[in-house]
């Protein structure tokens, strides 16, 4: 199972950029390294008009990465 943290942003100030970088480089790798709380990832969506498609692509990409890590091939 994958826990996906979704952040929806309109205007991105500098603090949002720092938060995204922290999630991707520190929090997500740290919690995943514990191997106690399941698998986690982070996604940020900024365009309301493409959000649905972007979300579908993100989920498909994460699913394919999971399959490859388990020894399968991309679906």
C-alpha atoms as a PDB file:
ATOM      1  CA  UNK A   1       0.000   0.000   0.000  1.00  0.00           C
ATOM      2  CA  UNK A   2       1.156   3.523  -0.760  1.00  0.00           C
ATOM      3  CA  UNK A   3       0.245   6.535   1.377  1.00  0.00           C
ATOM      4  CA  UNK A   4       0.285   9.565  -0.886  1.00  0.00           C
ATOM      5  CA  UNK A   5       0.438  13.016   0.677  1.00  0.00           C
ATOM      6  CA  UNK A   6      -1.248  15.410  -1.738  1.00  0.00           C
ATOM      7  CA  UNK A   7      -0.732  19.146  -1.585  1.00  0.00           C
ATOM      8  CA  UNK A   8      -2.838  21.433  -3.730  1.00  0.00           C
ATOM      9  CA  UNK A   9      -1.346  24.857  -4.302  1.00  0.00           C
ATOM     10  CA  UNK A  10      -2.293  27.835  -6.373  1.00  0.00           C
ATOM     11  CA  UNK A  11       0.372  30.462  -5.972  1.00  0.00           C
ATOM     12  CA  UNK A  12       3.657  29.005  -4.701  1.00  0.00           C
ATOM     13  CA  UNK A  13       5.671  31.215  -2.413  1.00  0.00           C
ATOM     14  CA  UNK A  14       9.205  30.361  -1.365  1.00  0.00           C
ATOM     15  CA  UNK A  15       7.994  28.511   1.757  1.00  0.00           C
ATOM     16  CA  UNK A  16       5.967  26.102  -0.407  1.00  0.00           C
ATOM     17  CA  UNK A  17       9.065  25.317  -2.460  1.00  0.00           C
ATOM     18  CA  UNK A  18      11.058  24.630   0.703  1.00  0.00           C
ATOM     19  CA  UNK A  19       8.278  22.415   2.085  1.00  0.00           C
ATOM     20  CA  UNK A  20       8.141  20.385  -1.142  1.00  0.00           C
ATOM     21  CA  UNK A  21      11.912  19.926  -1.157  1.00  0.00           C
ATOM     22  CA  UNK A  22      11.872  18.897   2.517  1.00  0.00           C
ATOM     23  CA  UNK A  23       9.112  16.358   1.937  1.00  0.00           C
ATOM     24  CA  UNK A  24      10.902  14.833  -1.057  1.00  0.00           C
ATOM     25  CA  UNK A  25      14.441  14.787   0.334  1.00  0.00           C
ATOM     26  CA  UNK A  26      13.966  14.297   4.078  1.00  0.00           C
ATOM     27  CA  UNK A  27      10.517  13.332   5.365  1.00  0.00           C
ATOM     28  CA  UNK A  28       9.468  10.768   2.742  1.00  0.00           C
ATOM     29  CA  UNK A  29      12.862   9.016   2.605  1.00  0.00           C
ATOM     30  CA  UNK A  30      13.061   9.077   6.416  1.00  0.00           C
ATOM     31  CA  UNK A  31       9.644   7.554   7.074  1.00  0.00           C
ATOM     32  CA  UNK A  32      10.140   4.992   4.306  1.00  0.00           C
ATOM     33  CA  UNK A  33      13.520   4.033   5.758  1.00  0.00           C
ATOM     34  CA  UNK A  34      11.853   3.151   9.067  1.00  0.00           C
ATOM     35  CA  UNK A  35       9.796   0.440   7.282  1.00  0.00           C
ATOM     36  CA  UNK A  36       7.253   0.656  10.109  1.00  0.00           C
ATOM     37  CA  UNK A  37       4.541   2.928   8.718  1.00  0.00           C
ATOM     38  CA  UNK A  38       4.166   1.605   5.174  1.00  0.00           C
ATOM     39  CA  UNK A  39       5.288   3.317   1.998  1.00  0.00           C
ATOM     40  CA  UNK A  40       4.857   7.068   1.621  1.00  0.00           C
ATOM     41  CA  UNK A  41       5.231   9.589  -1.180  1.00  0.00           C
ATOM     42  CA  UNK A  42       4.424  13.231  -1.825  1.00  0.00           C
ATOM     43  CA  UNK A  43       2.710  14.937  -4.761  1.00  0.00           C
ATOM     44  CA  UNK A  44       2.039  18.609  -5.323  1.00  0.00           C
ATOM     45  CA  UNK A  45      -0.561  19.847  -7.797  1.00  0.00           C
ATOM     46  CA  UNK A  46      -0.752  23.477  -8.840  1.00  0.00           C
ATOM     47  CA  UNK A  47      -3.013  23.697 -11.893  1.00  0.00           C
ATOM     48  CA  UNK A  48      -6.716  23.206 -11.236  1.00  0.00           C
ATOM     49  CA  UNK A  49      -7.372  22.539 -14.924  1.00  0.00           C
ATOM     50  CA  UNK A  50      -4.893  19.660 -15.232  1.00  0.00           C
ATOM     51  CA  UNK A  51      -5.062  18.351 -11.679  1.00  0.00           C
ATOM     52  CA  UNK A  52      -7.181  15.282 -12.456  1.00  0.00           C
ATOM     53  CA  UNK A  53      -4.903  14.133 -15.282  1.00  0.00           C
ATOM     54  CA  UNK A  54      -1.771  14.966 -13.277  1.00  0.00           C
ATOM     55  CA  UNK A  55      -3.088  12.922 -10.330  1.00  0.00           C
ATOM     56  CA  UNK A  56      -3.855   9.915 -12.543  1.00  0.00           C
ATOM     57  CA  UNK A  57      -0.367  10.094 -14.063  1.00  0.00           C
ATOM     58  CA  UNK A  58       1.247  10.358 -10.621  1.00  0.00           C
ATOM     59  CA  UNK A  59      -0.642   7.322  -9.304  1.00  0.00           C
ATOM     60  CA  UNK A  60       0.187   5.302 -12.431  1.00  0.00           C
ATOM     61  CA  UNK A  61       3.864   6.244 -12.183  1.00  0.00           C
ATOM     62  CA  UNK A  62       4.075   5.275  -8.492  1.00  0.00           C
ATOM     63  CA  UNK A  63       2.270   1.997  -9.193  1.00  0.00           C
ATOM     64  CA  UNK A  64       4.689   1.143 -12.008  1.00  0.00           C
ATOM     65  CA  UNK A  65       7.674   1.967  -9.781  1.00  0.00           C
ATOM     66  CA  UNK A  66       6.271  -0.349  -7.109  1.00  0.00           C
ATOM     67  CA  UNK A  67       5.818  -3.189  -9.631  1.00  0.00           C
ATOM     68  CA  UNK A  68       9.372  -2.804 -10.910  1.00  0.00           C
ATOM     69  CA  UNK A  69      10.771  -2.819  -7.357  1.00  0.00           C
ATOM     70  CA  UNK A  70       8.892  -6.066  -6.701  1.00  0.00           C
ATOM     71  CA  UNK A  71      10.602  -7.702  -9.667  1.00  0.00           C
ATOM     72  CA  UNK A  72       7.927  -7.185 -12.314  1.00  0.00           C
ATOM     73  CA  UNK A  73       7.906  -5.065 -15.420  1.00  0.00           C
ATOM     74  CA  UNK A  74       6.021  -1.839 -16.178  1.00  0.00           C
ATOM     75  CA  UNK A  75       2.337  -2.275 -16.831  1.00  0.00           C
END
